[in-house]
Full PDB file with SEQRES, HELIX, SHEET, SSBOND, CRYST1, ORIGX, SCALE, CONECT and MASTER records, all heavy atoms in Angstrom:
SEQRES   1 A   40  ILE LEU LYS ASP GLU MET PRO VAL ILE LEU ILE GLU CYS          
SEQRES   2 A   40  LYS HIS TYR ALA ASP GLY LEU ASP PRO HIS ASN SER GLN          
SEQRES   3 A   40  LEU PHE ARG TYR PHE HIS THR THR THR ALA ARG PHE SER          
SEQRES   4 A   40  LEU                                                          
HELIX    1 AA1 PRO A   22  ASN A   24  5                                   3    
HELIX    2 AA2 GLN A   26  TYR A   30  1                                   5    
HELIX    3 AA3 PHE A   31  THR A   33  5                                   3    
SHEET    1 AA1 2 LEU A   2  LYS A   3  0                                        
SHEET    2 AA1 2 MET A   6  PRO A   7 -1                                        
SHEET    1 AA2 2 ILE A   9  LEU A  10  0                                        
SHEET    2 AA2 2 PHE A  38  SER A  39  1                                        
CRYST1    1.000    1.000    1.000  90.00  90.00  90.00 P 1           1          
ORIGX1      1.000000  0.000000  0.000000        0.00000                         
ORIGX2      0.000000  1.000000  0.000000        0.00000                         
ORIGX3      0.000000  0.000000  1.000000        0.00000                         
SCALE1      1.000000  0.000000  0.000000        0.00000                         
SCALE2      0.000000  1.000000  0.000000        0.00000                         
SCALE3      0.000000  0.000000  1.000000        0.00000                         
ATOM      1  N   ILE A   1       4.790   4.995   9.535  1.00  0.00           N  
ATOM      2  CA  ILE A   1       5.249   6.319   9.902  1.00  0.00           C  
ATOM      3  C   ILE A   1       4.122   6.844  10.709  1.00  0.00           C  
ATOM      4  O   ILE A   1       2.998   6.975  10.373  1.00  0.00           O  
ATOM      5  CB  ILE A   1       5.456   7.194   8.657  1.00  0.00           C  
ATOM      6  CG1 ILE A   1       6.695   6.617   7.843  1.00  0.00           C  
ATOM      7  CG2 ILE A   1       5.737   8.743   9.035  1.00  0.00           C  
ATOM      8  CD1 ILE A   1       6.955   7.513   6.538  1.00  0.00           C  
ATOM      9  N   LEU A   2       4.499   7.369  11.976  1.00  0.00           N  
ATOM     10  CA  LEU A   2       3.619   7.833  12.935  1.00  0.00           C  
ATOM     11  C   LEU A   2       3.661   9.352  13.060  1.00  0.00           C  
ATOM     12  O   LEU A   2       4.615  10.009  12.869  1.00  0.00           O  
ATOM     13  CB  LEU A   2       3.876   7.250  14.369  1.00  0.00           C  
ATOM     14  CG  LEU A   2       4.176   5.720  14.483  1.00  0.00           C  
ATOM     15  CD1 LEU A   2       4.373   5.357  15.887  1.00  0.00           C  
ATOM     16  CD2 LEU A   2       2.886   5.023  13.869  1.00  0.00           C  
ATOM     17  N   LYS A   3       2.412   9.931  13.341  1.00  0.00           N  
ATOM     18  CA  LYS A   3       2.273  11.343  13.666  1.00  0.00           C  
ATOM     19  C   LYS A   3       1.374  11.431  14.832  1.00  0.00           C  
ATOM     20  O   LYS A   3       0.163  10.848  14.862  1.00  0.00           O  
ATOM     21  CB  LYS A   3       1.709  12.099  12.512  1.00  0.00           C  
ATOM     22  CG  LYS A   3       1.693  13.581  12.684  1.00  0.00           C  
ATOM     23  CD  LYS A   3       1.230  14.246  11.427  1.00  0.00           C  
ATOM     24  CE  LYS A   3       1.338  15.852  11.688  1.00  0.00           C  
ATOM     25  NZ  LYS A   3       0.865  16.533  10.402  1.00  0.00           N  
ATOM     26  N   ASP A   4       1.830  11.995  16.009  1.00  0.00           N  
ATOM     27  CA  ASP A   4       1.078  12.005  17.180  1.00  0.00           C  
ATOM     28  C   ASP A   4       0.678  10.674  17.641  1.00  0.00           C  
ATOM     29  O   ASP A   4      -0.462  10.371  18.058  1.00  0.00           O  
ATOM     30  CB  ASP A   4      -0.276  12.995  17.048  1.00  0.00           C  
ATOM     31  CG  ASP A   4       0.089  14.382  16.620  1.00  0.00           C  
ATOM     32  OD1 ASP A   4       1.130  14.828  16.915  1.00  0.00           O  
ATOM     33  OD2 ASP A   4      -0.700  14.956  15.849  1.00  0.00           O  
ATOM     34  N   GLU A   5       1.720   9.753  17.480  1.00  0.00           N  
ATOM     35  CA  GLU A   5       1.575   8.406  17.974  1.00  0.00           C  
ATOM     36  C   GLU A   5       0.491   7.534  17.154  1.00  0.00           C  
ATOM     37  O   GLU A   5       0.219   6.373  17.608  1.00  0.00           O  
ATOM     38  CB  GLU A   5       1.185   8.228  19.365  1.00  0.00           C  
ATOM     39  CG  GLU A   5       2.234   8.959  20.299  1.00  0.00           C  
ATOM     40  CD  GLU A   5       2.132   8.729  21.828  1.00  0.00           C  
ATOM     41  OE1 GLU A   5       1.067   8.051  22.128  1.00  0.00           O  
ATOM     42  OE2 GLU A   5       2.830   9.210  22.556  1.00  0.00           O  
ATOM     43  N   MET A   6       0.068   8.116  16.051  1.00  0.00           N  
ATOM     44  CA  MET A   6      -0.941   7.328  15.185  1.00  0.00           C  
ATOM     45  C   MET A   6      -0.370   7.116  13.807  1.00  0.00           C  
ATOM     46  O   MET A   6       0.354   8.028  13.298  1.00  0.00           O  
ATOM     47  CB  MET A   6      -2.198   8.196  15.091  1.00  0.00           C  
ATOM     48  CG  MET A   6      -2.919   8.411  16.407  1.00  0.00           C  
ATOM     49  SD  MET A   6      -3.371   6.876  17.238  1.00  0.00           S  
ATOM     50  CE  MET A   6      -4.832   6.375  16.219  1.00  0.00           C  
ATOM     51  N   PRO A   7      -0.539   5.906  13.220  1.00  0.00           N  
ATOM     52  CA  PRO A   7      -0.024   5.687  11.880  1.00  0.00           C  
ATOM     53  C   PRO A   7      -0.654   6.556  10.864  1.00  0.00           C  
ATOM     54  O   PRO A   7      -1.840   6.620  10.859  1.00  0.00           O  
ATOM     55  CB  PRO A   7      -0.315   4.186  11.712  1.00  0.00           C  
ATOM     56  CG  PRO A   7      -1.461   3.901  12.508  1.00  0.00           C  
ATOM     57  CD  PRO A   7      -1.350   4.759  13.730  1.00  0.00           C  
ATOM     58  N   VAL A   8       0.229   7.251   9.987  1.00  0.00           N  
ATOM     59  CA  VAL A   8      -0.417   7.970   8.827  1.00  0.00           C  
ATOM     60  C   VAL A   8       0.088   7.370   7.487  1.00  0.00           C  
ATOM     61  O   VAL A   8      -0.680   7.423   6.515  1.00  0.00           O  
ATOM     62  CB  VAL A   8       0.089   9.318   8.969  1.00  0.00           C  
ATOM     63  CG1 VAL A   8      -0.516  10.083  10.037  1.00  0.00           C  
ATOM     64  CG2 VAL A   8       1.622   9.384   8.979  1.00  0.00           C  
ATOM     65  N   ILE A   9       1.161   6.498   7.514  1.00  0.00           N  
ATOM     66  CA  ILE A   9       1.579   5.805   6.252  1.00  0.00           C  
ATOM     67  C   ILE A   9       2.044   4.501   6.758  1.00  0.00           C  
ATOM     68  O   ILE A   9       2.918   4.182   7.538  1.00  0.00           O  
ATOM     69  CB  ILE A   9       2.705   6.558   5.537  1.00  0.00           C  
ATOM     70  CG1 ILE A   9       2.433   7.963   5.235  1.00  0.00           C  
ATOM     71  CG2 ILE A   9       3.018   5.853   4.317  1.00  0.00           C  
ATOM     72  CD1 ILE A   9       3.515   8.842   4.640  1.00  0.00           C  
ATOM     73  N   LEU A  10       1.416   3.369   6.020  1.00  0.00           N  
ATOM     74  CA  LEU A  10       1.803   2.026   6.241  1.00  0.00           C  
ATOM     75  C   LEU A  10       2.788   1.733   5.030  1.00  0.00           C  
ATOM     76  O   LEU A  10       2.546   1.966   3.984  1.00  0.00           O  
ATOM     77  CB  LEU A  10       0.717   1.028   6.249  1.00  0.00           C  
ATOM     78  CG  LEU A  10      -0.297   1.176   7.341  1.00  0.00           C  
ATOM     79  CD1 LEU A  10      -1.439   0.185   7.178  1.00  0.00           C  
ATOM     80  CD2 LEU A  10       0.223   1.215   8.703  1.00  0.00           C  
ATOM     81  N   ILE A  11       3.988   0.916   5.343  1.00  0.00           N  
ATOM     82  CA  ILE A  11       4.870   0.692   4.364  1.00  0.00           C  
ATOM     83  C   ILE A  11       5.183  -0.870   4.347  1.00  0.00           C  
ATOM     84  O   ILE A  11       5.490  -1.431   5.438  1.00  0.00           O  
ATOM     85  CB  ILE A  11       6.247   1.376   4.666  1.00  0.00           C  
ATOM     86  CG1 ILE A  11       6.014   2.897   4.651  1.00  0.00           C  
ATOM     87  CG2 ILE A  11       7.240   1.068   3.514  1.00  0.00           C  
ATOM     88  CD1 ILE A  11       7.226   3.690   5.101  1.00  0.00           C  
ATOM     89  N   GLU A  12       5.079  -1.364   3.137  1.00  0.00           N  
ATOM     90  CA  GLU A  12       5.474  -2.785   3.027  1.00  0.00           C  
ATOM     91  C   GLU A  12       6.695  -2.954   2.040  1.00  0.00           C  
ATOM     92  O   GLU A  12       6.648  -2.272   0.998  1.00  0.00           O  
ATOM     93  CB  GLU A  12       4.318  -3.753   2.603  1.00  0.00           C  
ATOM     94  CG  GLU A  12       4.748  -5.191   2.423  1.00  0.00           C  
ATOM     95  CD  GLU A  12       3.662  -6.120   1.916  1.00  0.00           C  
ATOM     96  OE1 GLU A  12       2.499  -5.752   1.834  1.00  0.00           O  
ATOM     97  OE2 GLU A  12       3.903  -7.186   1.622  1.00  0.00           O  
ATOM     98  N   CYS A  13       7.655  -3.643   2.499  1.00  0.00           N  
ATOM     99  CA  CYS A  13       8.919  -3.868   1.682  1.00  0.00           C  
ATOM    100  C   CYS A  13       9.059  -5.214   1.094  1.00  0.00           C  
ATOM    101  O   CYS A  13       8.767  -6.182   1.669  1.00  0.00           O  
ATOM    102  CB  CYS A  13      10.114  -3.514   2.522  1.00  0.00           C  
ATOM    103  SG  CYS A  13       9.999  -1.898   3.540  1.00  0.00           S  
ATOM    104  N   LYS A  14       9.580  -5.089  -0.063  1.00  0.00           N  
ATOM    105  CA  LYS A  14      10.016  -6.453  -0.856  1.00  0.00           C  
ATOM    106  C   LYS A  14      11.451  -6.366  -1.372  1.00  0.00           C  
ATOM    107  O   LYS A  14      12.025  -5.177  -1.280  1.00  0.00           O  
ATOM    108  CB  LYS A  14       9.121  -6.562  -2.076  1.00  0.00           C  
ATOM    109  CG  LYS A  14       7.576  -6.540  -1.878  1.00  0.00           C  
ATOM    110  CD  LYS A  14       7.142  -7.811  -1.136  1.00  0.00           C  
ATOM    111  CE  LYS A  14       5.732  -7.920  -0.988  1.00  0.00           C  
ATOM    112  NZ  LYS A  14       5.265  -9.106  -0.201  1.00  0.00           N  
ATOM    113  N   HIS A  15      12.049  -7.404  -1.698  1.00  0.00           N  
ATOM    114  CA  HIS A  15      13.368  -7.464  -2.304  1.00  0.00           C  
ATOM    115  C   HIS A  15      13.260  -6.705  -3.555  1.00  0.00           C  
ATOM    116  O   HIS A  15      12.215  -6.804  -4.308  1.00  0.00           O  
ATOM    117  CB  HIS A  15      13.843  -8.867  -2.459  1.00  0.00           C  
ATOM    118  CG  HIS A  15      15.263  -8.929  -3.042  1.00  0.00           C  
ATOM    119  ND1 HIS A  15      15.460  -9.220  -4.294  1.00  0.00           N  
ATOM    120  CD2 HIS A  15      16.455  -8.850  -2.395  1.00  0.00           C  
ATOM    121  CE1 HIS A  15      16.763  -9.221  -4.570  1.00  0.00           C  
ATOM    122  NE2 HIS A  15      17.421  -8.986  -3.415  1.00  0.00           N  
ATOM    123  N   TYR A  16      14.291  -6.005  -3.999  1.00  0.00           N  
ATOM    124  CA  TYR A  16      14.231  -5.102  -5.176  1.00  0.00           C  
ATOM    125  C   TYR A  16      14.005  -5.955  -6.400  1.00  0.00           C  
ATOM    126  O   TYR A  16      13.379  -5.448  -7.377  1.00  0.00           O  
ATOM    127  CB  TYR A  16      15.558  -4.344  -5.339  1.00  0.00           C  
ATOM    128  CG  TYR A  16      16.677  -5.149  -6.037  1.00  0.00           C  
ATOM    129  CD1 TYR A  16      16.818  -5.131  -7.426  1.00  0.00           C  
ATOM    130  CD2 TYR A  16      17.716  -5.859  -5.227  1.00  0.00           C  
ATOM    131  CE1 TYR A  16      17.865  -5.743  -8.012  1.00  0.00           C  
ATOM    132  CE2 TYR A  16      18.617  -6.541  -5.843  1.00  0.00           C  
ATOM    133  CZ  TYR A  16      18.798  -6.474  -7.218  1.00  0.00           C  
ATOM    134  OH  TYR A  16      19.788  -7.088  -7.863  1.00  0.00           O  
ATOM    135  N   ALA A  17      14.225  -7.266  -6.575  1.00  0.00           N  
ATOM    136  CA  ALA A  17      13.961  -8.055  -7.679  1.00  0.00           C  
ATOM    137  C   ALA A  17      12.662  -8.630  -7.755  1.00  0.00           C  
ATOM    138  O   ALA A  17      12.079  -9.127  -8.740  1.00  0.00           O  
ATOM    139  CB  ALA A  17      14.920  -9.231  -7.747  1.00  0.00           C  
ATOM    140  N   ASP A  18      11.841  -8.373  -6.686  1.00  0.00           N  
ATOM    141  CA  ASP A  18      10.342  -8.984  -6.565  1.00  0.00           C  
ATOM    142  C   ASP A  18       9.481  -8.036  -7.110  1.00  0.00           C  
ATOM    143  O   ASP A  18       9.518  -6.714  -7.072  1.00  0.00           O  
ATOM    144  CB  ASP A  18       9.978  -9.121  -5.143  1.00  0.00           C  
ATOM    145  CG  ASP A  18      10.702 -10.380  -4.417  1.00  0.00           C  
ATOM    146  OD1 ASP A  18      11.326 -11.059  -5.247  1.00  0.00           O  
ATOM    147  OD2 ASP A  18      10.808 -10.512  -3.274  1.00  0.00           O  
ATOM    148  N   GLY A  19       8.388  -8.504  -7.787  1.00  0.00           N  
ATOM    149  CA  GLY A  19       7.383  -7.691  -8.283  1.00  0.00           C  
ATOM    150  C   GLY A  19       6.398  -7.153  -7.175  1.00  0.00           C  
ATOM    151  O   GLY A  19       6.375  -7.561  -6.008  1.00  0.00           O  
ATOM    152  N   LEU A  20       5.731  -5.992  -7.467  1.00  0.00           N  
ATOM    153  CA  LEU A  20       4.893  -5.268  -6.500  1.00  0.00           C  
ATOM    154  C   LEU A  20       3.432  -5.656  -6.977  1.00  0.00           C  
ATOM    155  O   LEU A  20       2.916  -4.867  -7.876  1.00  0.00           O  
ATOM    156  CB  LEU A  20       5.251  -3.805  -6.509  1.00  0.00           C  
ATOM    157  CG  LEU A  20       6.580  -3.423  -5.971  1.00  0.00           C  
ATOM    158  CD1 LEU A  20       6.698  -1.922  -6.049  1.00  0.00           C  
ATOM    159  CD2 LEU A  20       6.924  -4.100  -4.709  1.00  0.00           C  
ATOM    160  N   ASP A  21       2.753  -6.594  -6.326  1.00  0.00           N  
ATOM    161  CA  ASP A  21       1.460  -6.879  -6.614  1.00  0.00           C  
ATOM    162  C   ASP A  21       0.498  -6.542  -5.439  1.00  0.00           C  
ATOM    163  O   ASP A  21       0.619  -7.223  -4.311  1.00  0.00           O  
ATOM    164  CB  ASP A  21       1.259  -8.348  -6.960  1.00  0.00           C  
ATOM    165  CG  ASP A  21      -0.196  -8.631  -7.381  1.00  0.00           C  
ATOM    166  OD1 ASP A  21      -1.096  -7.843  -7.239  1.00  0.00           O  
ATOM    167  OD2 ASP A  21      -0.431  -9.736  -7.867  1.00  0.00           O  
ATOM    168  N   PRO A  22      -0.297  -5.513  -5.448  1.00  0.00           N  
ATOM    169  CA  PRO A  22      -1.107  -5.185  -4.212  1.00  0.00           C  
ATOM    170  C   PRO A  22      -1.965  -6.200  -3.813  1.00  0.00           C  
ATOM    171  O   PRO A  22      -2.271  -6.288  -2.582  1.00  0.00           O  
ATOM    172  CB  PRO A  22      -1.858  -3.765  -4.743  1.00  0.00           C  
ATOM    173  CG  PRO A  22      -2.015  -4.063  -6.225  1.00  0.00           C  
ATOM    174  CD  PRO A  22      -0.680  -4.714  -6.512  1.00  0.00           C  
ATOM    175  N   HIS A  23      -2.469  -7.042  -4.624  1.00  0.00           N  
ATOM    176  CA  HIS A  23      -3.290  -8.209  -4.137  1.00  0.00           C  
ATOM    177  C   HIS A  23      -2.484  -9.183  -3.329  1.00  0.00           C  
ATOM    178  O   HIS A  23      -3.152  -9.849  -2.416  1.00  0.00           O  
ATOM    179  CB  HIS A  23      -3.966  -8.928  -5.399  1.00  0.00           C  
ATOM    180  CG  HIS A  23      -4.817  -8.122  -6.183  1.00  0.00           C  
ATOM    181  ND1 HIS A  23      -6.118  -7.876  -5.644  1.00  0.00           N  
ATOM    182  CD2 HIS A  23      -4.819  -7.428  -7.309  1.00  0.00           C  
ATOM    183  CE1 HIS A  23      -6.856  -7.005  -6.532  1.00  0.00           C  
ATOM    184  NE2 HIS A  23      -6.026  -6.814  -7.609  1.00  0.00           N  
ATOM    185  N   ASN A  24      -1.266  -9.269  -3.573  1.00  0.00           N  
ATOM    186  CA  ASN A  24      -0.485 -10.172  -2.699  1.00  0.00           C  
ATOM    187  C   ASN A  24       0.103  -9.483  -1.495  1.00  0.00           C  
ATOM    188  O   ASN A  24       0.982 -10.019  -0.786  1.00  0.00           O  
ATOM    189  CB  ASN A  24       0.615 -10.866  -3.530  1.00  0.00           C  
ATOM    190  CG  ASN A  24       0.062 -11.802  -4.485  1.00  0.00           C  
ATOM    191  OD1 ASN A  24      -1.038 -12.370  -4.352  1.00  0.00           O  
ATOM    192  ND2 ASN A  24       0.753 -11.923  -5.654  1.00  0.00           N  
ATOM    193  N   SER A  25      -0.247  -8.254  -1.381  1.00  0.00           N  
ATOM    194  CA  SER A  25       0.321  -7.341  -0.323  1.00  0.00           C  
ATOM    195  C   SER A  25      -0.412  -7.389   1.026  1.00  0.00           C  
ATOM    196  O   SER A  25      -1.671  -7.416   0.989  1.00  0.00           O  
ATOM    197  CB  SER A  25       0.478  -5.925  -0.795  1.00  0.00           C  
ATOM    198  OG  SER A  25       0.735  -4.963   0.224  1.00  0.00           O  
ATOM    199  N   GLN A  26       0.269  -7.495   2.078  1.00  0.00           N  
ATOM    200  CA  GLN A  26      -0.428  -7.346   3.397  1.00  0.00           C  
ATOM    201  C   GLN A  26      -1.157  -5.956   3.579  1.00  0.00           C  
ATOM    202  O   GLN A  26      -2.071  -5.929   4.227  1.00  0.00           O  
ATOM    203  CB  GLN A  26       0.709  -7.537   4.515  1.00  0.00           C  
ATOM    204  CG  GLN A  26       1.350  -8.871   4.404  1.00  0.00           C  
ATOM    205  CD  GLN A  26       2.337  -9.141   5.533  1.00  0.00           C  
ATOM    206  OE1 GLN A  26       1.953  -9.217   6.691  1.00  0.00           O  
ATOM    207  NE2 GLN A  26       3.625  -8.978   5.252  1.00  0.00           N  
ATOM    208  N   LEU A  27      -0.627  -4.969   2.814  1.00  0.00           N  
ATOM    209  CA  LEU A  27      -1.241  -3.615   2.965  1.00  0.00           C  
ATOM    210  C   LEU A  27      -2.745  -3.703   2.574  1.00  0.00           C  
ATOM    211  O   LEU A  27      -3.514  -3.019   3.130  1.00  0.00           O  
ATOM    212  CB  LEU A  27      -0.479  -2.643   2.069  1.00  0.00           C  
ATOM    213  CG  LEU A  27       1.076  -2.219   2.378  1.00  0.00           C  
ATOM    214  CD1 LEU A  27       1.527  -1.389   1.386  1.00  0.00           C  
ATOM    215  CD2 LEU A  27       1.074  -1.605   3.786  1.00  0.00           C  
ATOM    216  N   PHE A  28      -2.903  -4.513   1.570  1.00  0.00           N  
ATOM    217  CA  PHE A  28      -4.319  -4.638   1.061  1.00  0.00           C  
ATOM    218  C   PHE A  28      -5.259  -5.134   2.096  1.00  0.00           C  
ATOM    219  O   PHE A  28      -6.422  -4.741   2.128  1.00  0.00           O  
ATOM    220  CB  PHE A  28      -4.336  -5.517  -0.221  1.00  0.00           C  
ATOM    221  CG  PHE A  28      -5.430  -5.257  -1.242  1.00  0.00           C  
ATOM    222  CD1 PHE A  28      -5.506  -4.104  -1.846  1.00  0.00           C  
ATOM    223  CD2 PHE A  28      -6.387  -6.223  -1.317  1.00  0.00           C  
ATOM    224  CE1 PHE A  28      -6.546  -3.752  -2.790  1.00  0.00           C  
ATOM    225  CE2 PHE A  28      -7.493  -5.982  -2.330  1.00  0.00           C  
ATOM    226  CZ  PHE A  28      -7.469  -4.754  -3.017  1.00  0.00           C  
ATOM    227  N   ARG A  29      -4.703  -5.961   3.084  1.00  0.00           N  
ATOM    228  CA  ARG A  29      -5.530  -6.500   4.038  1.00  0.00           C  
ATOM    229  C   ARG A  29      -5.512  -5.702   5.263  1.00  0.00           C  
ATOM    230  O   ARG A  29      -6.504  -5.588   6.051  1.00  0.00           O  
ATOM    231  CB  ARG A  29      -4.964  -7.954   4.419  1.00  0.00           C  
ATOM    232  CG  ARG A  29      -5.058  -8.956   3.210  1.00  0.00           C  
ATOM    233  CD  ARG A  29      -4.656 -10.351   3.600  1.00  0.00           C  
ATOM    234  NE  ARG A  29      -3.418 -10.485   4.236  1.00  0.00           N  
ATOM    235  CZ  ARG A  29      -2.399 -10.769   3.551  1.00  0.00           C  
ATOM    236  NH1 ARG A  29      -2.316 -10.726   2.320  1.00  0.00           N  
ATOM    237  NH2 ARG A  29      -1.139 -10.927   4.091  1.00  0.00           N  
ATOM    238  N   TYR A  30      -4.398  -4.911   5.554  1.00  0.00           N  
ATOM    239  CA  TYR A  30      -4.187  -4.247   6.803  1.00  0.00           C  
ATOM    240  C   TYR A  30      -4.854  -2.851   6.769  1.00  0.00           C  
ATOM    241  O   TYR A  30      -5.061  -2.177   7.809  1.00  0.00           O  
ATOM    242  CB  TYR A  30      -2.748  -4.192   7.227  1.00  0.00           C  
ATOM    243  CG  TYR A  30      -2.128  -5.506   7.405  1.00  0.00           C  
ATOM    244  CD1 TYR A  30      -0.710  -5.489   7.576  1.00  0.00           C  
ATOM    245  CD2 TYR A  30      -2.811  -6.592   7.533  1.00  0.00           C  
ATOM    246  CE1 TYR A  30      -0.088  -6.656   7.744  1.00  0.00           C  
ATOM    247  CE2 TYR A  30      -2.137  -7.772   7.959  1.00  0.00           C  
ATOM    248  CZ  TYR A  30      -0.826  -7.853   7.835  1.00  0.00           C  
ATOM    249  OH  TYR A  30      -0.230  -8.997   8.163  1.00  0.00           O  
ATOM    250  N   PHE A  31      -4.932  -2.202   5.515  1.00  0.00           N  
ATOM    251  CA  PHE A  31      -5.201  -0.834   5.507  1.00  0.00           C  
ATOM    252  C   PHE A  31      -6.394  -0.318   6.316  1.00  0.00           C  
ATOM    253  O   PHE A  31      -6.415   0.683   6.988  1.00  0.00           O  
ATOM    254  CB  PHE A  31      -5.423  -0.471   3.958  1.00  0.00           C  
ATOM    255  CG  PHE A  31      -5.579   0.969   3.660  1.00  0.00           C  
ATOM    256  CD1 PHE A  31      -4.402   1.768   3.518  1.00  0.00           C  
ATOM    257  CD2 PHE A  31      -6.777   1.622   3.576  1.00  0.00           C  
ATOM    258  CE1 PHE A  31      -4.449   3.093   3.223  1.00  0.00           C  
ATOM    259  CE2 PHE A  31      -6.854   2.930   3.303  1.00  0.00           C  
ATOM    260  CZ  PHE A  31      -5.707   3.740   3.162  1.00  0.00           C  
ATOM    261  N   HIS A  32      -7.454  -1.121   6.224  1.00  0.00           N  
ATOM    262  CA  HIS A  32      -8.700  -0.703   6.917  1.00  0.00           C  
ATOM    263  C   HIS A  32      -8.706  -0.869   8.395  1.00  0.00           C  
ATOM    264  O   HIS A  32      -9.587  -0.365   9.175  1.00  0.00           O  
ATOM    265  CB  HIS A  32      -9.992  -1.464   6.331  1.00  0.00           C  
ATOM    266  CG  HIS A  32     -10.001  -2.873   6.800  1.00  0.00           C  
ATOM    267  ND1 HIS A  32      -9.126  -3.848   6.157  1.00  0.00           N  
ATOM    268  CD2 HIS A  32     -10.680  -3.542   7.750  1.00  0.00           C  
ATOM    269  CE1 HIS A  32      -9.432  -4.991   6.793  1.00  0.00           C  
ATOM    270  NE2 HIS A  32     -10.351  -4.816   7.694  1.00  0.00           N  
ATOM    271  N   THR A  33      -7.677  -1.543   9.010  1.00  0.00           N  
ATOM    272  CA  THR A  33      -7.593  -1.874  10.371  1.00  0.00           C  
ATOM    273  C   THR A  33      -6.918  -0.639  11.101  1.00  0.00           C  
ATOM    274  O   THR A  33      -6.880  -0.723  12.404  1.00  0.00           O  
ATOM    275  CB  THR A  33      -6.893  -3.103  10.625  1.00  0.00           C  
ATOM    276  OG1 THR A  33      -5.515  -2.981  10.311  1.00  0.00           O  
ATOM    277  CG2 THR A  33      -7.514  -4.315   9.822  1.00  0.00           C  
ATOM    278  N   THR A  34      -6.290   0.246  10.419  1.00  0.00           N  
ATOM    279  CA  THR A  34      -5.660   1.398  11.149  1.00  0.00           C  
ATOM    280  C   THR A  34      -6.195   2.705  10.755  1.00  0.00           C  
ATOM    281  O   THR A  34      -7.005   2.800   9.888  1.00  0.00           O  
ATOM    282  CB  THR A  34      -4.110   1.352  10.765  1.00  0.00           C  
ATOM    283  OG1 THR A  34      -3.951   1.754   9.445  1.00  0.00           O  
ATOM    284  CG2 THR A  34      -3.455  -0.114  10.862  1.00  0.00           C  
ATOM    285  N   THR A  35      -5.506   3.686  11.360  1.00  0.00           N  
ATOM    286  CA  THR A  35      -5.976   5.116  10.968  1.00  0.00           C  
ATOM    287  C   THR A  35      -5.207   5.648   9.883  1.00  0.00           C  
ATOM    288  O   THR A  35      -5.411   6.734   9.412  1.00  0.00           O  
ATOM    289  CB  THR A  35      -5.799   6.093  12.200  1.00  0.00           C  
ATOM    290  OG1 THR A  35      -4.467   5.996  12.629  1.00  0.00           O  
ATOM    291  CG2 THR A  35      -6.666   5.604  13.413  1.00  0.00           C  
ATOM    292  N   ALA A  36      -4.288   4.942   9.340  1.00  0.00           N  
ATOM    293  CA  ALA A  36      -3.468   5.439   8.164  1.00  0.00           C  
ATOM    294  C   ALA A  36      -4.287   5.688   6.915  1.00  0.00           C  
ATOM    295  O   ALA A  36      -5.117   4.936   6.597  1.00  0.00           O  
ATOM    296  CB  ALA A  36      -2.465   4.309   7.867  1.00  0.00           C  
ATOM    297  N   ARG A  37      -4.003   6.818   6.380  1.00  0.00           N  
ATOM    298  CA  ARG A  37      -4.748   7.233   5.076  1.00  0.00           C  
ATOM    299  C   ARG A  37      -3.850   6.930   3.822  1.00  0.00           C  
ATOM    300  O   ARG A  37      -4.539   6.874   2.767  1.00  0.00           O  
ATOM    301  CB  ARG A  37      -4.990   8.650   5.077  1.00  0.00           C  
ATOM    302  CG  ARG A  37      -6.061   9.037   6.119  1.00  0.00           C  
ATOM    303  CD  ARG A  37      -7.451   8.550   5.727  1.00  0.00           C  
ATOM    304  NE  ARG A  37      -7.722   8.883   4.432  1.00  0.00           N  
ATOM    305  CZ  ARG A  37      -8.302  10.102   4.037  1.00  0.00           C  
ATOM    306  NH1 ARG A  37      -8.431  11.118   4.810  1.00  0.00           N  
ATOM    307  NH2 ARG A  37      -8.486  10.222   2.704  1.00  0.00           N  
ATOM    308  N   PHE A  38      -2.614   6.477   3.928  1.00  0.00           N  
ATOM    309  CA  PHE A  38      -1.810   6.178   2.899  1.00  0.00           C  
ATOM    310  C   PHE A  38      -0.893   4.990   3.183  1.00  0.00           C  
ATOM    311  O   PHE A  38      -0.672   4.608   4.288  1.00  0.00           O  
ATOM    312  CB  PHE A  38      -0.791   7.276   2.580  1.00  0.00           C  
ATOM    313  CG  PHE A  38      -1.534   8.687   2.191  1.00  0.00           C  
ATOM    314  CD1 PHE A  38      -1.554   9.708   3.284  1.00  0.00           C  
ATOM    315  CD2 PHE A  38      -2.055   8.924   1.114  1.00  0.00           C  
ATOM    316  CE1 PHE A  38      -2.169  10.817   3.109  1.00  0.00           C  
ATOM    317  CE2 PHE A  38      -2.718  10.160   0.834  1.00  0.00           C  
ATOM    318  CZ  PHE A  38      -2.667  11.156   1.892  1.00  0.00           C  
ATOM    319  N   SER A  39      -0.609   4.355   2.108  1.00  0.00           N  
ATOM    320  CA  SER A  39       0.271   3.118   2.230  1.00  0.00           C  
ATOM    321  C   SER A  39       1.219   3.100   1.095  1.00  0.00           C  
ATOM    322  O   SER A  39       0.951   3.726  -0.021  1.00  0.00           O  
ATOM    323  CB  SER A  39      -0.521   1.761   2.099  1.00  0.00           C  
ATOM    324  OG  SER A  39      -1.255   1.699   0.979  1.00  0.00           O  
ATOM    325  N   LEU A  40       2.475   2.542   1.361  1.00  0.00           N  
ATOM    326  CA  LEU A  40       3.492   2.628   0.358  1.00  0.00           C  
ATOM    327  C   LEU A  40       3.951   1.190   0.162  1.00  0.00           C  
ATOM    328  O   LEU A  40       4.418   0.502   1.093  1.00  0.00           O  
ATOM    329  CB  LEU A  40       4.715   3.452   0.896  1.00  0.00           C  
ATOM    330  CG  LEU A  40       6.000   3.366   0.127  1.00  0.00           C  
ATOM    331  CD1 LEU A  40       5.754   3.741  -1.336  1.00  0.00           C  
ATOM    332  CD2 LEU A  40       7.054   4.228   0.703  1.00  0.00           C  
TER     333      LEU A  40                                                      
MASTER        0    0    0    3    4    0    0    6  332    1    0    4          
END                                                                             
């Protein structure tokens, strides 16, 4: 989700039957590379 052309929220999606493990999430690796302050 962008605001003023800069990312503010990064979102990673899984199939509804899949578990949500942040360690296996790309968000855990990508978070520090962008200006986004939040991830979903």
